[in-house]
């Protein structure tokens, strides 16, 4: 299946260009040599929790949708009396 996504870092950062405000963090998520870089505003705990949720969703998506069954109804036999 390959490697799962994982958090590489979450660290304080300057606001993205054109955005005002304080308490910005940048984060890096990796899957092997692939990386996702992002920014999020909030305190360290809230940003870390949000990034953990992103990683969990990416890994669920990577594994496919489990528990879904494609049910095909079969024709019912008529009972003759």
PDB file of N, CA and C in Angstrom:
ATOM      1  N   UNK A   1       0.814  -1.199   0.000  1.00  0.00           N
ATOM      2  CA  UNK A   1       0.000   0.000   0.000  1.00  0.00           C
ATOM      3  C   UNK A   1       0.851   1.253   0.000  1.00  0.00           C
ATOM      4  N   UNK A   2       2.128   1.183   0.253  1.00  0.00           N
ATOM      5  CA  UNK A   2       2.941   2.383   0.325  1.00  0.00           C
ATOM      6  C   UNK A   2       2.951   2.951   1.720  1.00  0.00           C
ATOM      7  N   UNK A   3       3.612   4.068   1.844  1.00  0.00           N
ATOM      8  CA  UNK A   3       3.751   4.701   3.147  1.00  0.00           C
ATOM      9  C   UNK A   3       2.541   5.563   3.476  1.00  0.00           C
ATOM     10  N   UNK A   4       2.191   5.636   4.755  1.00  0.00           N
ATOM     11  CA  UNK A   4       1.075   6.511   5.151  1.00  0.00           C
ATOM     12  C   UNK A   4       1.535   7.969   5.199  1.00  0.00           C
ATOM     13  N   UNK A   5       0.579   8.870   5.201  1.00  0.00           N
ATOM     14  CA  UNK A   5       0.881  10.287   5.405  1.00  0.00           C
ATOM     15  C   UNK A   5       1.241  10.476   6.872  1.00  0.00           C
ATOM     16  N   UNK A   6       2.140  11.415   7.150  1.00  0.00           N
ATOM     17  CA  UNK A   6       2.508  11.725   8.519  1.00  0.00           C
ATOM     18  C   UNK A   6       2.918  13.181   8.633  1.00  0.00           C
ATOM     19  N   UNK A   7       2.780  13.721   9.830  1.00  0.00           N
ATOM     20  CA  UNK A   7       3.164  15.108  10.080  1.00  0.00           C
ATOM     21  C   UNK A   7       4.681  15.163  10.236  1.00  0.00           C
ATOM     22  N   UNK A   8       5.303  16.043   9.474  1.00  0.00           N
ATOM     23  CA  UNK A   8       6.744  16.244   9.581  1.00  0.00           C
ATOM     24  C   UNK A   8       7.031  17.378  10.555  1.00  0.00           C
ATOM     25  N   UNK A   9       6.274  18.491  10.434  1.00  0.00           N
ATOM     26  CA  UNK A   9       6.502  19.622  11.329  1.00  0.00           C
ATOM     27  C   UNK A   9       5.291  20.536  11.387  1.00  0.00           C
ATOM     28  N   UNK A  10       5.182  21.239  12.505  1.00  0.00           N
ATOM     29  CA  UNK A  10       4.230  22.331  12.697  1.00  0.00           C
ATOM     30  C   UNK A  10       5.019  23.396  13.435  1.00  0.00           C
ATOM     31  N   UNK A  11       5.186  24.575  12.818  1.00  0.00           N
ATOM     32  CA  UNK A  11       5.982  25.613  13.467  1.00  0.00           C
ATOM     33  C   UNK A  11       5.444  27.003  13.173  1.00  0.00           C
ATOM     34  N   UNK A  12       5.697  27.929  14.096  1.00  0.00           N
ATOM     35  CA  UNK A  12       5.238  29.310  13.959  1.00  0.00           C
ATOM     36  C   UNK A  12       5.780  29.894  12.654  1.00  0.00           C
ATOM     37  N   UNK A  13       4.914  30.698  12.016  1.00  0.00           N
ATOM     38  CA  UNK A  13       5.295  31.281  10.727  1.00  0.00           C
ATOM     39  C   UNK A  13       4.703  32.678  10.591  1.00  0.00           C
ATOM     40  N   UNK A  14       5.223  33.432   9.634  1.00  0.00           N
ATOM     41  CA  UNK A  14       4.653  34.725   9.289  1.00  0.00           C
ATOM     42  C   UNK A  14       3.351  34.489   8.534  1.00  0.00           C
ATOM     43  N   UNK A  15       2.439  35.467   8.573  1.00  0.00           N
ATOM     44  CA  UNK A  15       1.192  35.306   7.811  1.00  0.00           C
ATOM     45  C   UNK A  15       1.489  35.154   6.317  1.00  0.00           C
ATOM     46  N   UNK A  16       0.649  34.419   5.596  1.00  0.00           N
ATOM     47  CA  UNK A  16       0.839  34.308   4.144  1.00  0.00           C
ATOM     48  C   UNK A  16       0.723  35.698   3.501  1.00  0.00           C
ATOM     49  N   UNK A  17       1.309  35.892   2.325  1.00  0.00           N
ATOM     50  CA  UNK A  17       1.242  37.197   1.651  1.00  0.00           C
ATOM     51  C   UNK A  17      -0.204  37.654   1.454  1.00  0.00           C
ATOM     52  N   UNK A  18      -0.461  38.912   1.800  1.00  0.00           N
ATOM     53  CA  UNK A  18      -1.789  39.480   1.614  1.00  0.00           C
ATOM     54  C   UNK A  18      -2.775  39.164   2.716  1.00  0.00           C
ATOM     55  N   UNK A  19      -2.314  38.511   3.775  1.00  0.00           N
ATOM     56  CA  UNK A  19      -3.205  38.122   4.870  1.00  0.00           C
ATOM     57  C   UNK A  19      -2.744  38.815   6.145  1.00  0.00           C
ATOM     58  N   UNK A  20      -3.694  39.316   6.899  1.00  0.00           N
ATOM     59  CA  UNK A  20      -3.401  39.978   8.172  1.00  0.00           C
ATOM     60  C   UNK A  20      -3.606  38.987   9.311  1.00  0.00           C
ATOM     61  N   UNK A  21      -3.164  39.380  10.489  1.00  0.00           N
ATOM     62  CA  UNK A  21      -3.433  38.572  11.666  1.00  0.00           C
ATOM     63  C   UNK A  21      -2.186  37.978  12.272  1.00  0.00           C
ATOM     64  N   UNK A  22      -2.379  37.428  13.446  1.00  0.00           N
ATOM     65  CA  UNK A  22      -1.268  36.828  14.187  1.00  0.00           C
ATOM     66  C   UNK A  22      -1.525  35.339  14.376  1.00  0.00           C
ATOM     67  N   UNK A  23      -0.596  34.693  15.035  1.00  0.00           N
ATOM     68  CA  UNK A  23      -0.703  33.266  15.368  1.00  0.00           C
ATOM     69  C   UNK A  23      -0.855  32.374  14.143  1.00  0.00           C
ATOM     70  N   UNK A  24       0.066  32.493  13.222  1.00  0.00           N
ATOM     71  CA  UNK A  24       0.081  31.629  12.040  1.00  0.00           C
ATOM     72  C   UNK A  24       1.132  30.539  12.218  1.00  0.00           C
ATOM     73  N   UNK A  25       0.799  29.370  11.700  1.00  0.00           N
ATOM     74  CA  UNK A  25       1.719  28.234  11.742  1.00  0.00           C
ATOM     75  C   UNK A  25       1.802  27.616  10.353  1.00  0.00           C
ATOM     76  N   UNK A  26       2.990  27.154  10.023  1.00  0.00           N
ATOM     77  CA  UNK A  26       3.145  26.394   8.778  1.00  0.00           C
ATOM     78  C   UNK A  26       3.292  24.932   9.167  1.00  0.00           C
ATOM     79  N   UNK A  27       2.829  24.062   8.288  1.00  0.00           N
ATOM     80  CA  UNK A  27       2.957  22.637   8.567  1.00  0.00           C
ATOM     81  C   UNK A  27       3.413  21.907   7.313  1.00  0.00           C
ATOM     82  N   UNK A  28       4.028  20.768   7.538  1.00  0.00           N
ATOM     83  CA  UNK A  28       4.474  19.908   6.447  1.00  0.00           C
ATOM     84  C   UNK A  28       3.957  18.508   6.734  1.00  0.00           C
ATOM     85  N   UNK A  29       3.294  17.933   5.738  1.00  0.00           N
ATOM     86  CA  UNK A  29       2.816  16.553   5.792  1.00  0.00           C
ATOM     87  C   UNK A  29       3.566  15.806   4.699  1.00  0.00           C
ATOM     88  N   UNK A  30       4.013  14.595   4.981  1.00  0.00           N
ATOM     89  CA  UNK A  30       4.763  13.836   3.979  1.00  0.00           C
ATOM     90  C   UNK A  30       4.203  12.430   3.829  1.00  0.00           C
ATOM     91  N   UNK A  31       4.375  11.930   2.610  1.00  0.00           N
ATOM     92  CA  UNK A  31       4.100  10.529   2.293  1.00  0.00           C
ATOM     93  C   UNK A  31       5.249  10.115   1.401  1.00  0.00           C
ATOM     94  N   UNK A  32       6.231   9.453   1.988  1.00  0.00           N
ATOM     95  CA  UNK A  32       7.429   9.129   1.219  1.00  0.00           C
ATOM     96  C   UNK A  32       8.126  10.417   0.800  1.00  0.00           C
ATOM     97  N   UNK A  33       8.369  10.569  -0.505  1.00  0.00           N
ATOM     98  CA  UNK A  33       9.032  11.775  -1.002  1.00  0.00           C
ATOM     99  C   UNK A  33       8.043  12.881  -1.360  1.00  0.00           C
ATOM    100  N   UNK A  34       6.738  12.603  -1.268  1.00  0.00           N
ATOM    101  CA  UNK A  34       5.722  13.612  -1.539  1.00  0.00           C
ATOM    102  C   UNK A  34       5.496  14.449  -0.285  1.00  0.00           C
ATOM    103  N   UNK A  35       5.377  15.772  -0.470  1.00  0.00           N
ATOM    104  CA  UNK A  35       5.123  16.632   0.680  1.00  0.00           C
ATOM    105  C   UNK A  35       3.965  17.586   0.403  1.00  0.00           C
ATOM    106  N   UNK A  36       3.260  17.927   1.464  1.00  0.00           N
ATOM    107  CA  UNK A  36       2.187  18.909   1.413  1.00  0.00           C
ATOM    108  C   UNK A  36       2.582  19.999   2.403  1.00  0.00           C
ATOM    109  N   UNK A  37       2.658  21.240   1.933  1.00  0.00           N
ATOM    110  CA  UNK A  37       2.979  22.382   2.781  1.00  0.00           C
ATOM    111  C   UNK A  37       1.732  23.232   2.923  1.00  0.00           C
ATOM    112  N   UNK A  38       1.443  23.657   4.140  1.00  0.00           N
ATOM    113  CA  UNK A  38       0.270  24.481   4.351  1.00  0.00           C
ATOM    114  C   UNK A  38       0.466  25.466   5.480  1.00  0.00           C
ATOM    115  N   UNK A  39      -0.479  26.397   5.594  1.00  0.00           N
ATOM    116  CA  UNK A  39      -0.488  27.393   6.664  1.00  0.00           C
ATOM    117  C   UNK A  39      -1.864  27.385   7.310  1.00  0.00           C
ATOM    118  N   UNK A  40      -1.871  27.673   8.603  1.00  0.00           N
ATOM    119  CA  UNK A  40      -3.138  27.709   9.322  1.00  0.00           C
ATOM    120  C   UNK A  40      -2.997  28.690  10.477  1.00  0.00           C
ATOM    121  N   UNK A  41      -4.078  29.385  10.778  1.00  0.00           N
ATOM    122  CA  UNK A  41      -4.073  30.345  11.867  1.00  0.00           C
ATOM    123  C   UNK A  41      -4.693  29.719  13.107  1.00  0.00           C
ATOM    124  N   UNK A  42      -4.145  30.037  14.270  1.00  0.00           N
ATOM    125  CA  UNK A  42      -4.663  29.532  15.531  1.00  0.00           C
ATOM    126  C   UNK A  42      -3.526  29.303  16.505  1.00  0.00           C
ATOM    127  N   UNK A  43      -3.846  28.737  17.664  1.00  0.00           N
ATOM    128  CA  UNK A  43      -2.755  28.425  18.586  1.00  0.00           C
ATOM    129  C   UNK A  43      -2.149  27.071  18.193  1.00  0.00           C
ATOM    130  N   UNK A  44      -0.990  26.785  18.752  1.00  0.00           N
ATOM    131  CA  UNK A  44      -0.260  25.575  18.362  1.00  0.00           C
ATOM    132  C   UNK A  44      -1.091  24.314  18.555  1.00  0.00           C
ATOM    133  N   UNK A  45      -1.808  24.211  19.662  1.00  0.00           N
ATOM    134  CA  UNK A  45      -2.610  23.020  19.933  1.00  0.00           C
ATOM    135  C   UNK A  45      -3.723  22.844  18.898  1.00  0.00           C
ATOM    136  N   UNK A  46      -4.445  23.927  18.604  1.00  0.00           N
ATOM    137  CA  UNK A  46      -5.553  23.845  17.640  1.00  0.00           C
ATOM    138  C   UNK A  46      -5.045  23.507  16.243  1.00  0.00           C
ATOM    139  N   UNK A  47      -3.933  24.107  15.853  1.00  0.00           N
ATOM    140  CA  UNK A  47      -3.379  23.836  14.518  1.00  0.00           C
ATOM    141  C   UNK A  47      -2.901  22.393  14.438  1.00  0.00           C
ATOM    142  N   UNK A  48      -2.247  21.911  15.483  1.00  0.00           N
ATOM    143  CA  UNK A  48      -1.760  20.527  15.486  1.00  0.00           C
ATOM    144  C   UNK A  48      -2.918  19.541  15.375  1.00  0.00           C
ATOM    145  N   UNK A  49      -3.991  19.781  16.114  1.00  0.00           N
ATOM    146  CA  UNK A  49      -5.171  18.903  16.047  1.00  0.00           C
ATOM    147  C   UNK A  49      -5.761  18.925  14.641  1.00  0.00           C
ATOM    148  N   UNK A  50      -5.859  20.108  14.033  1.00  0.00           N
ATOM    149  CA  UNK A  50      -6.410  20.227  12.676  1.00  0.00           C
ATOM    150  C   UNK A  50      -5.547  19.473  11.666  1.00  0.00           C
ATOM    151  N   UNK A  51      -4.236  19.570  11.799  1.00  0.00           N
ATOM    152  CA  UNK A  51      -3.334  18.878  10.869  1.00  0.00           C
ATOM    153  C   UNK A  51      -3.412  17.371  11.089  1.00  0.00           C
ATOM    154  N   UNK A  52      -3.558  16.926  12.337  1.00  0.00           N
ATOM    155  CA  UNK A  52      -3.736  15.494  12.607  1.00  0.00           C
ATOM    156  C   UNK A  52      -5.000  14.970  11.939  1.00  0.00           C
ATOM    157  N   UNK A  53      -6.069  15.771  11.946  1.00  0.00           N
ATOM    158  CA  UNK A  53      -7.316  15.370  11.277  1.00  0.00           C
ATOM    159  C   UNK A  53      -7.118  15.281   9.768  1.00  0.00           C
ATOM    160  N   UNK A  54      -6.376  16.223   9.201  1.00  0.00           N
ATOM    161  CA  UNK A  54      -6.087  16.190   7.761  1.00  0.00           C
ATOM    162  C   UNK A  54      -5.339  14.903   7.414  1.00  0.00           C
ATOM    163  N   UNK A  55      -4.320  14.576   8.226  1.00  0.00           N
ATOM    164  CA  UNK A  55      -3.521  13.366   7.982  1.00  0.00           C
ATOM    165  C   UNK A  55      -4.401  12.121   8.089  1.00  0.00           C
ATOM    166  N   UNK A  56      -5.267  12.066   9.080  1.00  0.00           N
ATOM    167  CA  UNK A  56      -6.156  10.905   9.246  1.00  0.00           C
ATOM    168  C   UNK A  56      -7.067  10.764   8.030  1.00  0.00           C
ATOM    169  N   UNK A  57      -7.618  11.872   7.536  1.00  0.00           N
ATOM    170  CA  UNK A  57      -8.498  11.826   6.371  1.00  0.00           C
ATOM    171  C   UNK A  57      -7.738  11.405   5.116  1.00  0.00           C
ATOM    172  N   UNK A  58      -6.521  11.898   4.954  1.00  0.00           N
ATOM    173  CA  UNK A  58      -5.720  11.501   3.797  1.00  0.00           C
ATOM    174  C   UNK A  58      -5.425  10.004   3.830  1.00  0.00           C
ATOM    175  N   UNK A  59      -5.108   9.481   5.003  1.00  0.00           N
ATOM    176  CA  UNK A  59      -4.814   8.051   5.110  1.00  0.00           C
ATOM    177  C   UNK A  59      -6.061   7.198   4.894  1.00  0.00           C
ATOM    178  N   UNK A  60      -7.219   7.647   5.380  1.00  0.00           N
ATOM    179  CA  UNK A  60      -8.465   6.912   5.131  1.00  0.00           C
ATOM    180  C   UNK A  60      -8.763   6.884   3.634  1.00  0.00           C
ATOM    181  N   UNK A  61      -8.586   8.016   3.002  1.00  0.00           N
ATOM    182  CA  UNK A  61      -8.839   8.117   1.560  1.00  0.00           C
ATOM    183  C   UNK A  61      -7.883   7.224   0.771  1.00  0.00           C
ATOM    184  N   UNK A  62      -6.631   7.171   1.226  1.00  0.00           N
ATOM    185  CA  UNK A  62      -5.602   6.372   0.572  1.00  0.00           C
ATOM    186  C   UNK A  62      -5.943   4.881   0.618  1.00  0.00           C
ATOM    187  N   UNK A  63      -6.555   4.451   1.721  1.00  0.00           N
ATOM    188  CA  UNK A  63      -6.882   3.036   1.886  1.00  0.00           C
ATOM    189  C   UNK A  63      -8.176   2.644   1.183  1.00  0.00           C
ATOM    190  N   UNK A  64      -8.909   3.611   0.720  1.00  0.00           N
ATOM    191  CA  UNK A  64     -10.168   3.317   0.055  1.00  0.00           C
ATOM    192  C   UNK A  64     -11.303   3.357   1.046  1.00  0.00           C
ATOM    193  N   UNK A  65     -12.480   3.370   0.518  1.00  0.00           N
ATOM    194  CA  UNK A  65     -13.662   3.420   1.378  1.00  0.00           C
ATOM    195  C   UNK A  65     -13.990   2.012   1.839  1.00  0.00           C
ATOM    196  N   UNK A  66     -13.854   1.798   3.127  1.00  0.00           N
ATOM    197  CA  UNK A  66     -14.139   0.479   3.684  1.00  0.00           C
ATOM    198  C   UNK A  66     -15.576   0.411   4.153  1.00  0.00           C
ATOM    199  N   UNK A  67     -16.090  -0.779   4.213  1.00  0.00           N
ATOM    200  CA  UNK A  67     -17.419  -0.978   4.752  1.00  0.00           C
ATOM    201  C   UNK A  67     -18.538  -0.687   3.769  1.00  0.00           C
ATOM    202  N   UNK A  68     -18.188  -0.364   2.565  1.00  0.00           N
ATOM    203  CA  UNK A  68     -19.210  -0.107   1.561  1.00  0.00           C
ATOM    204  C   UNK A  68     -19.321  -1.348   0.682  1.00  0.00           C
ATOM    205  N   UNK A  69     -20.508  -1.823   0.533  1.00  0.00           N
ATOM    206  CA  UNK A  69     -20.742  -3.004  -0.270  1.00  0.00           C
ATOM    207  C   UNK A  69     -21.700  -2.619  -1.386  1.00  0.00           C
ATOM    208  N   UNK A  70     -21.385  -3.050  -2.577  1.00  0.00           N
ATOM    209  CA  UNK A  70     -22.255  -2.775  -3.713  1.00  0.00           C
ATOM    210  C   UNK A  70     -23.269  -3.908  -3.798  1.00  0.00           C
ATOM    211  N   UNK A  71     -24.432  -3.692  -3.237  1.00  0.00           N
ATOM    212  CA  UNK A  71     -25.455  -4.724  -3.219  1.00  0.00           C
ATOM    213  C   UNK A  71     -26.250  -4.693  -4.520  1.00  0.00           C
ATOM    214  N   UNK A  72     -26.403  -5.854  -5.103  1.00  0.00           N
ATOM    215  CA  UNK A  72     -27.199  -5.987  -6.323  1.00  0.00           C
ATOM    216  C   UNK A  72     -28.371  -6.894  -5.974  1.00  0.00           C
ATOM    217  N   UNK A  73     -29.582  -6.354  -6.008  1.00  0.00           N
ATOM    218  CA  UNK A  73     -30.728  -7.194  -5.648  1.00  0.00           C
ATOM    219  C   UNK A  73     -30.960  -8.284  -6.696  1.00  0.00           C
ATOM    220  N   UNK A  74     -31.277  -9.457  -6.216  1.00  0.00           N
ATOM    221  CA  UNK A  74     -31.584 -10.557  -7.126  1.00  0.00           C
ATOM    222  C   UNK A  74     -33.094 -10.648  -7.265  1.00  0.00           C
ATOM    223  N   UNK A  75     -33.567 -11.006  -8.431  1.00  0.00           N
ATOM    224  CA  UNK A  75     -35.021 -11.114  -8.614  1.00  0.00           C
ATOM    225  C   UNK A  75     -35.589 -12.195  -7.693  1.00  0.00           C
ATOM    226  N   UNK A  76     -36.722 -11.899  -7.115  1.00  0.00           N
ATOM    227  CA  UNK A  76     -37.356 -12.865  -6.213  1.00  0.00           C
ATOM    228  C   UNK A  76     -38.108 -13.905  -7.043  1.00  0.00           C
ATOM    229  N   UNK A  77     -37.997 -15.143  -6.577  1.00  0.00           N
ATOM    230  CA  UNK A  77     -38.710 -16.222  -7.266  1.00  0.00           C
ATOM    231  C   UNK A  77     -40.174 -16.180  -6.874  1.00  0.00           C
ATOM    232  N   UNK A  78     -41.014 -16.369  -7.847  1.00  0.00           N
ATOM    233  CA  UNK A  78     -42.453 -16.398  -7.564  1.00  0.00           C
ATOM    234  C   UNK A  78     -42.802 -17.780  -7.049  1.00  0.00           C
ATOM    235  N   UNK A  79     -43.578 -17.798  -5.990  1.00  0.00           N
ATOM    236  CA  UNK A  79     -44.005 -19.071  -5.410  1.00  0.00           C
ATOM    237  C   UNK A  79     -45.351 -19.421  -6.047  1.00  0.00           C
ATOM    238  N   UNK A  80     -45.374 -20.579  -6.706  1.00  0.00           N
ATOM    239  CA  UNK A  80     -46.612 -21.022  -7.352  1.00  0.00           C
ATOM    240  C   UNK A  80     -47.442 -21.799  -6.347  1.00  0.00           C
ATOM    241  N   UNK A  81     -48.744 -21.558  -6.386  1.00  0.00           N
ATOM    242  CA  UNK A  81     -49.647 -22.263  -5.468  1.00  0.00           C
ATOM    243  C   UNK A  81     -50.396 -23.334  -6.170  1.00  0.00           C
TER     244      UNK A  81
END
